[in-house]
Amino acid sequence: MSGSNKEYSWEEAASFAKLSLEKFKEKAEGLKIPGWKTGKFKLNNLEKYFDGSESDEFDSHIIAISNQKGGEGKTTISLYLAEALSQDHKVLLVDWDPQANATQLFLKEDTPSIMECLGYRGRKKKSIADIIHNIAGNFDLVPSALELANLTTPYERDDFELLKEALLPVRSKYEYIIIDCPPSLGLILENALLCADFILVPIQTRAFSLQGIKDLHETITKIQKKANPRLKLLGAILNQYEGQKALSGLAEGIKKYFPVFETVIYRRESIPQAQAKMSLLSKIDNVTLKNFKELASEVKERIHVEKN
């Protein structure tokens, strides 16, 4: 046999995927790669799930950016934390919000979205690798669309792990995967928390509100106990910070539920300017980007502590 018709054994397929035989078998069965029952894999099928090039592989850290209350700056934190991390690491930003704000900042035309990679209600799946867009350098984006709002009711038991399964083929391509979550509880958020290793909670200090924090904490605790024991709380990040004395008690209120980052994200006009210009922050204001680099450094430190 030759070309795409060539059949690979378990061992050959694992070698192509650059995985141990045990790890490859786990992925093959989990992804239902054609051939996983017979142990005979065609090259064209393997290429859909694995990149056979000599690129580096990573044990990615998946971070969900979540707060069920709207207006807390989840997309802003997701975007510029991802940009800051991408200065030194390969990063994938997953727009997991039906509002698709991150997607609309960079992609002007309709494009296939994450919804098409889930197989929800028996829909034919696209490979997530086929819908990823490069934003700049090491920074890639998985687009969202309003259609994701239809992911509301689990029809099958596996519907809670649709995002986890969709991301599995590309996990080894990135050091960090950032998930920008919607401002709500439900199946979409539960998919993100089942997929994630860590969760970061933005809190908009000008709003001076802890509304929803308790409910989010309860949801996270439930997920940790019942479905994803590896999920760790990185902490809450104070966003749009202006240093008002009136907000001095906010961090203490948050600490009842989440640890609080030492780094705060200051309110800067360059942030809405960058978004209005559909531009990366590095092209608008390096001082503000430096603030997000400080956050990225603390995120990496906290991940290291959690892992050890």
C-alpha atoms as a PDB file:
ATOM      1  CA  MET A   1       0.000   0.000   0.000  1.00  0.00           C
ATOM      2  CA  SER A   2       1.113   3.583  -0.525  1.00  0.00           C
ATOM      3  CA  GLY A   3       0.053   7.125   0.181  1.00  0.00           C
ATOM      4  CA  SER A   4      -3.162   7.682   2.092  1.00  0.00           C
ATOM      5  CA  ASN A   5      -4.182   4.009   1.646  1.00  0.00           C
ATOM      6  CA  LYS A   6      -1.259   2.704   3.666  1.00  0.00           C
ATOM      7  CA  GLU A   7      -2.351   0.942   6.853  1.00  0.00           C
ATOM      8  CA  TYR A   8      -0.499   1.457  10.110  1.00  0.00           C
ATOM      9  CA  SER A   9      -0.379  -0.981  13.019  1.00  0.00           C
ATOM     10  CA  TRP A  10      -0.930   0.190  16.611  1.00  0.00           C
ATOM     11  CA  GLU A  11       2.821   0.610  17.077  1.00  0.00           C
ATOM     12  CA  GLU A  12       3.325   2.424  13.760  1.00  0.00           C
ATOM     13  CA  ALA A  13       0.360   4.708  14.375  1.00  0.00           C
ATOM     14  CA  ALA A  14       1.623   5.565  17.864  1.00  0.00           C
ATOM     15  CA  SER A  15       5.013   6.377  16.385  1.00  0.00           C
ATOM     16  CA  PHE A  16       3.395   8.615  13.762  1.00  0.00           C
ATOM     17  CA  ALA A  17       1.491  10.446  16.521  1.00  0.00           C
ATOM     18  CA  LYS A  18       4.688  10.675  18.609  1.00  0.00           C
ATOM     19  CA  LEU A  19       2.921   9.092  21.578  1.00  0.00           C
ATOM     20  CA  SER A  20       3.561   6.045  23.697  1.00  0.00           C
ATOM     21  CA  LEU A  21       1.533   3.028  22.631  1.00  0.00           C
ATOM     22  CA  GLU A  22      -0.548   3.230  25.817  1.00  0.00           C
ATOM     23  CA  LYS A  23      -1.254   6.962  25.346  1.00  0.00           C
ATOM     24  CA  PHE A  24      -2.071   6.478  21.672  1.00  0.00           C
ATOM     25  CA  LYS A  25      -4.545   3.681  22.443  1.00  0.00           C
ATOM     26  CA  GLU A  26      -6.225   5.923  25.006  1.00  0.00           C
ATOM     27  CA  LYS A  27      -6.560   8.763  22.494  1.00  0.00           C
ATOM     28  CA  ALA A  28      -7.592   6.509  19.617  1.00  0.00           C
ATOM     29  CA  GLU A  29     -10.442   5.006  21.600  1.00  0.00           C
ATOM     30  CA  GLY A  30     -11.449   8.325  23.151  1.00  0.00           C
ATOM     31  CA  LEU A  31     -11.554  10.055  19.759  1.00  0.00           C
ATOM     32  CA  LYS A  32     -13.009   6.997  17.956  1.00  0.00           C
ATOM     33  CA  ILE A  33     -10.294   7.278  15.310  1.00  0.00           C
ATOM     34  CA  PRO A  34     -11.217   5.001  12.384  1.00  0.00           C
ATOM     35  CA  GLY A  35      -9.301   1.762  12.930  1.00  0.00           C
ATOM     36  CA  TRP A  36      -9.277   1.793  16.721  1.00  0.00           C
ATOM     37  CA  LYS A  37     -11.340  -1.405  16.839  1.00  0.00           C
ATOM     38  CA  THR A  38      -9.281  -3.324  14.265  1.00  0.00           C
ATOM     39  CA  GLY A  39      -5.836  -1.906  15.034  1.00  0.00           C
ATOM     40  CA  LYS A  40      -5.373  -0.874  11.383  1.00  0.00           C
ATOM     41  CA  PHE A  41      -5.092   2.881  10.742  1.00  0.00           C
ATOM     42  CA  LYS A  42      -4.997   4.620   7.373  1.00  0.00           C
ATOM     43  CA  LEU A  43      -2.561   7.491   6.944  1.00  0.00           C
ATOM     44  CA  ASN A  44      -5.202   9.996   5.843  1.00  0.00           C
ATOM     45  CA  ASN A  45      -7.182   9.326   9.032  1.00  0.00           C
ATOM     46  CA  LEU A  46      -4.126   9.696  11.258  1.00  0.00           C
ATOM     47  CA  GLU A  47      -3.291  12.997   9.586  1.00  0.00           C
ATOM     48  CA  LYS A  48      -6.716  14.349  10.549  1.00  0.00           C
ATOM     49  CA  TYR A  49      -5.953  13.823  14.243  1.00  0.00           C
ATOM     50  CA  PHE A  50      -2.201  14.153  14.498  1.00  0.00           C
ATOM     51  CA  ASP A  51       0.449  16.298  12.866  1.00  0.00           C
ATOM     52  CA  GLY A  52       3.257  14.035  11.711  1.00  0.00           C
ATOM     53  CA  SER A  53       5.795  16.840  11.487  1.00  0.00           C
ATOM     54  CA  GLU A  54       8.800  17.123  13.790  1.00  0.00           C
ATOM     55  CA  SER A  55       7.278  19.923  15.860  1.00  0.00           C
ATOM     56  CA  ASP A  56       7.584  20.077  19.630  1.00  0.00           C
ATOM     57  CA  GLU A  57       4.856  18.568  21.767  1.00  0.00           C
ATOM     58  CA  PHE A  58       3.570  20.028  24.997  1.00  0.00           C
ATOM     59  CA  ASP A  59       1.620  18.969  28.027  1.00  0.00           C
ATOM     60  CA  SER A  60      -0.720  21.941  27.782  1.00  0.00           C
ATOM     61  CA  HIS A  61      -2.257  23.799  30.700  1.00  0.00           C
ATOM     62  CA  ILE A  62      -5.933  24.562  30.065  1.00  0.00           C
ATOM     63  CA  ILE A  63      -7.207  27.649  31.890  1.00  0.00           C
ATOM     64  CA  ALA A  64     -10.905  28.570  31.985  1.00  0.00           C
ATOM     65  CA  ILE A  65     -11.584  32.300  32.424  1.00  0.00           C
ATOM     66  CA  SER A  66     -14.982  32.412  34.094  1.00  0.00           C
ATOM     67  CA  ASN A  67     -17.405  34.524  36.079  1.00  0.00           C
ATOM     68  CA  GLN A  68     -21.145  33.996  35.729  1.00  0.00           C
ATOM     69  CA  LYS A  69     -21.760  37.726  36.193  1.00  0.00           C
ATOM     70  CA  GLY A  70     -21.553  39.772  32.994  1.00  0.00           C
ATOM     71  CA  GLY A  71     -19.362  42.833  32.593  1.00  0.00           C
ATOM     72  CA  GLU A  72     -16.408  41.476  34.537  1.00  0.00           C
ATOM     73  CA  GLY A  73     -13.933  41.603  31.670  1.00  0.00           C
ATOM     74  CA  LYS A  74     -13.582  37.881  30.919  1.00  0.00           C
ATOM     75  CA  THR A  75     -12.859  38.433  27.236  1.00  0.00           C
ATOM     76  CA  THR A  76     -10.369  41.222  27.941  1.00  0.00           C
ATOM     77  CA  ILE A  77      -8.474  39.044  30.424  1.00  0.00           C
ATOM     78  CA  SER A  78      -8.641  36.050  28.069  1.00  0.00           C
ATOM     79  CA  LEU A  79      -7.382  38.017  25.069  1.00  0.00           C
ATOM     80  CA  TYR A  80      -4.470  39.805  26.631  1.00  0.00           C
ATOM     81  CA  LEU A  81      -3.389  37.058  29.008  1.00  0.00           C
ATOM     82  CA  ALA A  82      -3.204  34.849  25.903  1.00  0.00           C
ATOM     83  CA  GLU A  83      -1.267  37.549  24.028  1.00  0.00           C
ATOM     84  CA  ALA A  84       1.133  38.020  26.943  1.00  0.00           C
ATOM     85  CA  LEU A  85       1.742  34.282  27.308  1.00  0.00           C
ATOM     86  CA  SER A  86       2.287  33.983  23.544  1.00  0.00           C
ATOM     87  CA  GLN A  87       5.386  36.179  23.797  1.00  0.00           C
ATOM     88  CA  ASP A  88       7.243  33.105  25.088  1.00  0.00           C
ATOM     89  CA  HIS A  89       4.862  30.147  24.623  1.00  0.00           C
ATOM     90  CA  LYS A  90       2.529  28.559  22.082  1.00  0.00           C
ATOM     91  CA  VAL A  91      -0.991  29.623  23.078  1.00  0.00           C
ATOM     92  CA  LEU A  92      -4.491  28.759  21.871  1.00  0.00           C
ATOM     93  CA  LEU A  93      -7.424  30.997  22.796  1.00  0.00           C
ATOM     94  CA  VAL A  94     -10.775  29.193  22.637  1.00  0.00           C
ATOM     95  CA  ASP A  95     -13.714  31.576  22.230  1.00  0.00           C
ATOM     96  CA  TRP A  96     -16.296  29.570  24.183  1.00  0.00           C
ATOM     97  CA  ASP A  97     -18.858  32.373  24.425  1.00  0.00           C
ATOM     98  CA  PRO A  98     -21.839  32.548  22.012  1.00  0.00           C
ATOM     99  CA  GLN A  99     -21.400  36.337  21.938  1.00  0.00           C
ATOM    100  CA  ALA A 100     -18.130  35.622  20.088  1.00  0.00           C
ATOM    101  CA  ASN A 101     -16.538  38.940  21.077  1.00  0.00           C
ATOM    102  CA  ALA A 102     -12.966  37.626  20.831  1.00  0.00           C
ATOM    103  CA  THR A 103     -13.717  36.126  17.418  1.00  0.00           C
ATOM    104  CA  GLN A 104     -15.218  39.346  16.067  1.00  0.00           C
ATOM    105  CA  LEU A 105     -12.138  41.311  17.096  1.00  0.00           C
ATOM    106  CA  PHE A 106      -9.942  39.396  14.684  1.00  0.00           C
ATOM    107  CA  LEU A 107     -12.144  37.718  12.080  1.00  0.00           C
ATOM    108  CA  LYS A 108     -14.280  39.974   9.931  1.00  0.00           C
ATOM    109  CA  GLU A 109     -16.066  37.278   7.937  1.00  0.00           C
ATOM    110  CA  ASP A 110     -18.177  34.306   8.975  1.00  0.00           C
ATOM    111  CA  THR A 111     -16.000  31.301   9.643  1.00  0.00           C
ATOM    112  CA  PRO A 112     -16.516  27.745  10.895  1.00  0.00           C
ATOM    113  CA  SER A 113     -16.830  27.807  14.682  1.00  0.00           C
ATOM    114  CA  ILE A 114     -16.162  25.534  17.638  1.00  0.00           C
ATOM    115  CA  MET A 115     -19.811  24.410  17.488  1.00  0.00           C
ATOM    116  CA  GLU A 116     -18.996  22.500  14.303  1.00  0.00           C
ATOM    117  CA  CYS A 117     -16.346  20.439  16.135  1.00  0.00           C
ATOM    118  CA  LEU A 118     -18.536  19.101  18.945  1.00  0.00           C
ATOM    119  CA  GLY A 119     -20.752  16.474  17.304  1.00  0.00           C
ATOM    120  CA  TYR A 120     -23.672  17.767  19.384  1.00  0.00           C
ATOM    121  CA  ARG A 121     -26.894  15.816  18.768  1.00  0.00           C
ATOM    122  CA  GLY A 122     -25.206  13.585  16.203  1.00  0.00           C
ATOM    123  CA  ARG A 123     -23.943  16.397  14.005  1.00  0.00           C
ATOM    124  CA  LYS A 124     -20.952  15.523  11.846  1.00  0.00           C
ATOM    125  CA  LYS A 125     -17.739  16.825  13.418  1.00  0.00           C
ATOM    126  CA  LYS A 126     -15.110  19.031  11.840  1.00  0.00           C
ATOM    127  CA  SER A 127     -11.553  18.592  13.052  1.00  0.00           C
ATOM    128  CA  ILE A 128     -10.698  21.468  15.370  1.00  0.00           C
ATOM    129  CA  ALA A 129      -7.328  21.805  13.632  1.00  0.00           C
ATOM    130  CA  ASP A 130      -9.218  22.837  10.487  1.00  0.00           C
ATOM    131  CA  ILE A 131     -10.900  25.853  12.090  1.00  0.00           C
ATOM    132  CA  ILE A 132      -7.971  27.322  14.047  1.00  0.00           C
ATOM    133  CA  HIS A 133      -6.830  30.779  12.944  1.00  0.00           C
ATOM    134  CA  ASN A 134      -3.384  32.195  13.604  1.00  0.00           C
ATOM    135  CA  ILE A 135      -3.623  35.703  15.080  1.00  0.00           C
ATOM    136  CA  ALA A 136       0.089  36.409  15.380  1.00  0.00           C
ATOM    137  CA  GLY A 137       3.232  34.386  16.010  1.00  0.00           C
ATOM    138  CA  ASN A 138       2.498  31.833  18.725  1.00  0.00           C
ATOM    139  CA  PHE A 139      -1.078  33.065  19.260  1.00  0.00           C
ATOM    140  CA  ASP A 140      -3.919  31.012  17.701  1.00  0.00           C
ATOM    141  CA  LEU A 141      -7.703  31.325  18.002  1.00  0.00           C
ATOM    142  CA  VAL A 142     -10.623  28.887  17.903  1.00  0.00           C
ATOM    143  CA  PRO A 143     -13.640  30.951  16.755  1.00  0.00           C
ATOM    144  CA  SER A 144     -17.100  30.962  18.299  1.00  0.00           C
ATOM    145  CA  ALA A 145     -20.527  31.857  16.904  1.00  0.00           C
ATOM    146  CA  LEU A 146     -24.021  32.611  18.173  1.00  0.00           C
ATOM    147  CA  GLU A 147     -24.945  29.026  17.304  1.00  0.00           C
ATOM    148  CA  LEU A 148     -23.046  27.885  20.414  1.00  0.00           C
ATOM    149  CA  ALA A 149     -25.995  29.219  22.445  1.00  0.00           C
ATOM    150  CA  ASN A 150     -27.887  26.087  21.302  1.00  0.00           C
ATOM    151  CA  LEU A 151     -25.640  23.999  23.558  1.00  0.00           C
ATOM    152  CA  THR A 152     -28.077  24.117  26.442  1.00  0.00           C
ATOM    153  CA  THR A 153     -29.463  20.639  27.109  1.00  0.00           C
ATOM    154  CA  PRO A 154     -27.426  17.431  27.413  1.00  0.00           C
ATOM    155  CA  TYR A 155     -28.912  14.769  25.129  1.00  0.00           C
ATOM    156  CA  GLU A 156     -26.286  12.166  25.914  1.00  0.00           C
ATOM    157  CA  ARG A 157     -24.036  11.505  28.875  1.00  0.00           C
ATOM    158  CA  ASP A 158     -20.963  12.487  26.876  1.00  0.00           C
ATOM    159  CA  ASP A 159     -22.389  15.952  26.127  1.00  0.00           C
ATOM    160  CA  PHE A 160     -20.640  17.267  29.236  1.00  0.00           C
ATOM    161  CA  GLU A 161     -17.247  16.471  27.656  1.00  0.00           C
ATOM    162  CA  LEU A 162     -17.768  17.717  24.095  1.00  0.00           C
ATOM    163  CA  LEU A 163     -15.193  20.501  24.409  1.00  0.00           C
ATOM    164  CA  LYS A 164     -12.697  18.218  26.129  1.00  0.00           C
ATOM    165  CA  GLU A 165     -12.947  15.699  23.278  1.00  0.00           C
ATOM    166  CA  ALA A 166     -12.769  18.400  20.591  1.00  0.00           C
ATOM    167  CA  LEU A 167      -9.536  19.841  22.030  1.00  0.00           C
ATOM    168  CA  LEU A 168      -7.827  16.507  22.614  1.00  0.00           C
ATOM    169  CA  PRO A 169      -6.128  16.277  19.170  1.00  0.00           C
ATOM    170  CA  VAL A 170      -4.448  19.696  19.580  1.00  0.00           C
ATOM    171  CA  ARG A 171      -3.556  19.649  23.278  1.00  0.00           C
ATOM    172  CA  SER A 172       0.017  18.617  22.528  1.00  0.00           C
ATOM    173  CA  LYS A 173       0.484  21.556  20.135  1.00  0.00           C
ATOM    174  CA  TYR A 174       0.139  24.281  22.770  1.00  0.00           C
ATOM    175  CA  GLU A 175       1.686  25.082  26.122  1.00  0.00           C
ATOM    176  CA  TYR A 176      -1.353  27.083  27.242  1.00  0.00           C
ATOM    177  CA  ILE A 177      -4.984  26.874  26.165  1.00  0.00           C
ATOM    178  CA  ILE A 178      -7.188  29.732  27.384  1.00  0.00           C
ATOM    179  CA  ILE A 179     -10.978  29.255  27.377  1.00  0.00           C
ATOM    180  CA  ASP A 180     -13.051  32.455  27.323  1.00  0.00           C
ATOM    181  CA  CYS A 181     -16.276  31.329  29.044  1.00  0.00           C
ATOM    182  CA  PRO A 182     -19.761  32.897  28.811  1.00  0.00           C
ATOM    183  CA  PRO A 183     -21.307  34.821  31.726  1.00  0.00           C
ATOM    184  CA  SER A 184     -23.695  32.067  32.763  1.00  0.00           C
ATOM    185  CA  LEU A 185     -23.984  28.691  34.409  1.00  0.00           C
ATOM    186  CA  GLY A 186     -25.121  25.634  32.471  1.00  0.00           C
ATOM    187  CA  LEU A 187     -23.900  23.093  29.941  1.00  0.00           C
ATOM    188  CA  ILE A 188     -21.487  25.462  28.187  1.00  0.00           C
ATOM    189  CA  LEU A 189     -19.686  26.389  31.396  1.00  0.00           C
ATOM    190  CA  GLU A 190     -19.730  22.810  32.668  1.00  0.00           C
ATOM    191  CA  ASN A 191     -18.028  21.693  29.431  1.00  0.00           C
ATOM    192  CA  ALA A 192     -15.287  24.266  30.049  1.00  0.00           C
ATOM    193  CA  LEU A 193     -14.775  23.227  33.669  1.00  0.00           C
ATOM    194  CA  LEU A 194     -14.669  19.531  32.786  1.00  0.00           C
ATOM    195  CA  CYS A 195     -12.059  20.305  30.146  1.00  0.00           C
ATOM    196  CA  ALA A 196      -9.925  22.725  32.177  1.00  0.00           C
ATOM    197  CA  ASP A 197      -7.020  22.135  34.517  1.00  0.00           C
ATOM    198  CA  PHE A 198      -7.329  25.560  36.141  1.00  0.00           C
ATOM    199  CA  ILE A 199      -9.847  28.361  36.553  1.00  0.00           C
ATOM    200  CA  LEU A 200      -9.221  32.103  36.806  1.00  0.00           C
ATOM    201  CA  VAL A 201     -12.047  34.459  37.872  1.00  0.00           C
ATOM    202  CA  PRO A 202     -12.003  38.108  36.693  1.00  0.00           C
ATOM    203  CA  ILE A 203     -13.800  40.593  38.929  1.00  0.00           C
ATOM    204  CA  GLN A 204     -14.478  44.124  37.732  1.00  0.00           C
ATOM    205  CA  THR A 205     -13.602  46.326  40.693  1.00  0.00           C
ATOM    206  CA  ARG A 206     -15.667  49.304  39.579  1.00  0.00           C
ATOM    207  CA  ALA A 207     -18.780  47.161  39.837  1.00  0.00           C
ATOM    208  CA  PHE A 208     -17.963  46.481  43.502  1.00  0.00           C
ATOM    209  CA  SER A 209     -20.088  43.362  43.427  1.00  0.00           C
ATOM    210  CA  LEU A 210     -19.651  39.819  44.652  1.00  0.00           C
ATOM    211  CA  GLN A 211     -22.915  38.773  43.036  1.00  0.00           C
ATOM    212  CA  GLY A 212     -22.646  35.292  41.570  1.00  0.00           C
ATOM    213  CA  ILE A 213     -19.285  34.507  43.180  1.00  0.00           C
ATOM    214  CA  LYS A 214     -20.860  32.137  45.690  1.00  0.00           C
ATOM    215  CA  ASP A 215     -22.840  30.297  42.974  1.00  0.00           C
ATOM    216  CA  LEU A 216     -19.755  29.992  40.771  1.00  0.00           C
ATOM    217  CA  HIS A 217     -17.756  28.632  43.704  1.00  0.00           C
ATOM    218  CA  GLU A 218     -20.460  26.039  44.373  1.00  0.00           C
ATOM    219  CA  THR A 219     -20.449  24.991  40.706  1.00  0.00           C
ATOM    220  CA  ILE A 220     -16.663  24.634  40.708  1.00  0.00           C
ATOM    221  CA  THR A 221     -16.730  22.617  43.935  1.00  0.00           C
ATOM    222  CA  LYS A 222     -19.378  20.301  42.485  1.00  0.00           C
ATOM    223  CA  ILE A 223     -17.328  19.754  39.323  1.00  0.00           C
ATOM    224  CA  GLN A 224     -14.173  19.094  41.367  1.00  0.00           C
ATOM    225  CA  LYS A 225     -15.888  16.495  43.552  1.00  0.00           C
ATOM    226  CA  LYS A 226     -17.951  14.685  40.929  1.00  0.00           C
ATOM    227  CA  ALA A 227     -16.332  15.037  37.530  1.00  0.00           C
ATOM    228  CA  ASN A 228     -12.948  16.786  37.352  1.00  0.00           C
ATOM    229  CA  PRO A 229     -10.810  16.387  40.491  1.00  0.00           C
ATOM    230  CA  ARG A 230      -7.775  17.857  38.699  1.00  0.00           C
ATOM    231  CA  LEU A 231      -9.516  21.280  38.354  1.00  0.00           C
ATOM    232  CA  LYS A 232      -7.649  23.828  40.482  1.00  0.00           C
ATOM    233  CA  LEU A 233      -8.547  27.382  41.477  1.00  0.00           C
ATOM    234  CA  LEU A 234      -5.797  29.733  40.328  1.00  0.00           C
ATOM    235  CA  GLY A 235      -7.671  32.624  41.906  1.00  0.00           C
ATOM    236  CA  ALA A 236      -9.552  35.861  41.236  1.00  0.00           C
ATOM    237  CA  ILE A 237      -8.003  38.741  39.317  1.00  0.00           C
ATOM    238  CA  LEU A 238      -9.095  42.323  40.078  1.00  0.00           C
ATOM    239  CA  ASN A 239      -9.850  43.935  36.722  1.00  0.00           C
ATOM    240  CA  GLN A 240     -10.240  47.594  35.675  1.00  0.00           C
ATOM    241  CA  TYR A 241      -8.546  48.503  38.941  1.00  0.00           C
ATOM    242  CA  GLU A 242      -8.298  52.199  39.848  1.00  0.00           C
ATOM    243  CA  GLY A 243      -7.109  51.876  43.426  1.00  0.00           C
ATOM    244  CA  GLN A 244     -10.067  53.537  45.133  1.00  0.00           C
ATOM    245  CA  LYS A 245      -9.960  53.307  48.905  1.00  0.00           C
ATOM    246  CA  ALA A 246     -13.674  52.486  48.845  1.00  0.00           C
ATOM    247  CA  LEU A 247     -12.768  49.161  47.255  1.00  0.00           C
ATOM    248  CA  SER A 248     -10.270  48.158  49.913  1.00  0.00           C
ATOM    249  CA  GLY A 249     -12.661  45.560  51.337  1.00  0.00           C
ATOM    250  CA  LEU A 250     -13.397  43.924  47.986  1.00  0.00           C
ATOM    251  CA  ALA A 251     -10.420  41.580  48.041  1.00  0.00           C
ATOM    252  CA  GLU A 252     -11.310  40.424  51.537  1.00  0.00           C
ATOM    253  CA  GLY A 253     -14.843  39.607  50.393  1.00  0.00           C
ATOM    254  CA  ILE A 254     -13.510  37.628  47.441  1.00  0.00           C
ATOM    255  CA  LYS A 255     -11.096  35.681  49.649  1.00  0.00           C
ATOM    256  CA  LYS A 256     -14.056  33.969  51.310  1.00  0.00           C
ATOM    257  CA  TYR A 257     -14.387  31.986  48.075  1.00  0.00           C
ATOM    258  CA  PHE A 258     -11.215  32.411  45.958  1.00  0.00           C
ATOM    259  CA  PRO A 259      -7.554  33.255  46.461  1.00  0.00           C
ATOM    260  CA  VAL A 260      -6.783  36.696  45.005  1.00  0.00           C
ATOM    261  CA  PHE A 261      -3.932  37.453  42.593  1.00  0.00           C
ATOM    262  CA  GLU A 262      -1.353  39.972  43.738  1.00  0.00           C
ATOM    263  CA  THR A 263      -1.285  41.352  40.207  1.00  0.00           C
ATOM    264  CA  VAL A 264      -4.187  43.654  39.368  1.00  0.00           C
ATOM    265  CA  ILE A 265      -5.190  44.810  35.884  1.00  0.00           C
ATOM    266  CA  TYR A 266      -5.391  48.589  35.806  1.00  0.00           C
ATOM    267  CA  ARG A 267      -8.016  50.523  33.906  1.00  0.00           C
ATOM    268  CA  ARG A 268      -6.358  51.815  30.721  1.00  0.00           C
ATOM    269  CA  GLU A 269      -7.900  53.566  27.747  1.00  0.00           C
ATOM    270  CA  SER A 270      -5.580  51.595  25.451  1.00  0.00           C
ATOM    271  CA  ILE A 271      -7.602  48.418  26.115  1.00  0.00           C
ATOM    272  CA  PRO A 272     -10.860  49.610  24.463  1.00  0.00           C
ATOM    273  CA  GLN A 273      -8.712  51.381  21.846  1.00  0.00           C
ATOM    274  CA  ALA A 274      -7.036  48.126  20.870  1.00  0.00           C
ATOM    275  CA  GLN A 275     -10.415  46.391  20.697  1.00  0.00           C
ATOM    276  CA  ALA A 276     -11.938  49.180  18.614  1.00  0.00           C
ATOM    277  CA  LYS A 277      -9.015  48.952  16.186  1.00  0.00           C
ATOM    278  CA  MET A 278      -9.236  45.121  16.118  1.00  0.00           C
ATOM    279  CA  SER A 279      -5.593  45.098  17.110  1.00  0.00           C
ATOM    280  CA  LEU A 280      -3.254  43.259  19.428  1.00  0.00           C
ATOM    281  CA  LEU A 281      -2.366  45.176  22.573  1.00  0.00           C
ATOM    282  CA  SER A 282       1.335  45.020  21.684  1.00  0.00           C
ATOM    283  CA  LYS A 283       0.641  47.287  18.702  1.00  0.00           C
ATOM    284  CA  ILE A 284      -1.150  49.882  20.834  1.00  0.00           C
ATOM    285  CA  ASP A 285       0.428  50.125  24.278  1.00  0.00           C
ATOM    286  CA  ASN A 286       3.383  48.151  25.595  1.00  0.00           C
ATOM    287  CA  VAL A 287       2.910  49.589  29.095  1.00  0.00           C
ATOM    288  CA  THR A 288      -0.513  47.948  29.351  1.00  0.00           C
ATOM    289  CA  LEU A 289       0.844  44.762  27.789  1.00  0.00           C
ATOM    290  CA  LYS A 290       3.507  44.777  30.530  1.00  0.00           C
ATOM    291  CA  ASN A 291       0.671  44.675  33.089  1.00  0.00           C
ATOM    292  CA  PHE A 292      -0.658  41.514  31.413  1.00  0.00           C
ATOM    293  CA  LYS A 293       2.854  40.059  31.252  1.00  0.00           C
ATOM    294  CA  GLU A 294       2.994  40.477  35.042  1.00  0.00           C
ATOM    295  CA  LEU A 295      -0.300  38.582  35.266  1.00  0.00           C
ATOM    296  CA  ALA A 296       1.077  35.890  32.941  1.00  0.00           C
ATOM    297  CA  SER A 297       4.135  35.474  35.177  1.00  0.00           C
ATOM    298  CA  GLU A 298       1.974  35.067  38.275  1.00  0.00           C
ATOM    299  CA  VAL A 299      -0.302  32.614  36.439  1.00  0.00           C
ATOM    300  CA  LYS A 300       2.724  30.494  35.537  1.00  0.00           C
ATOM    301  CA  GLU A 301       4.011  30.641  39.111  1.00  0.00           C
ATOM    302  CA  ARG A 302       0.661  29.549  40.522  1.00  0.00           C
ATOM    303  CA  ILE A 303       0.388  26.697  38.023  1.00  0.00           C
ATOM    304  CA  HIS A 304       3.860  25.522  39.032  1.00  0.00           C
ATOM    305  CA  VAL A 305       2.857  25.576  42.712  1.00  0.00           C
ATOM    306  CA  GLU A 306      -0.385  23.688  42.028  1.00  0.00           C
ATOM    307  CA  LYS A 307       1.400  21.040  39.977  1.00  0.00           C
ATOM    308  CA  ASN A 308       3.964  20.445  42.688  1.00  0.00           C
END
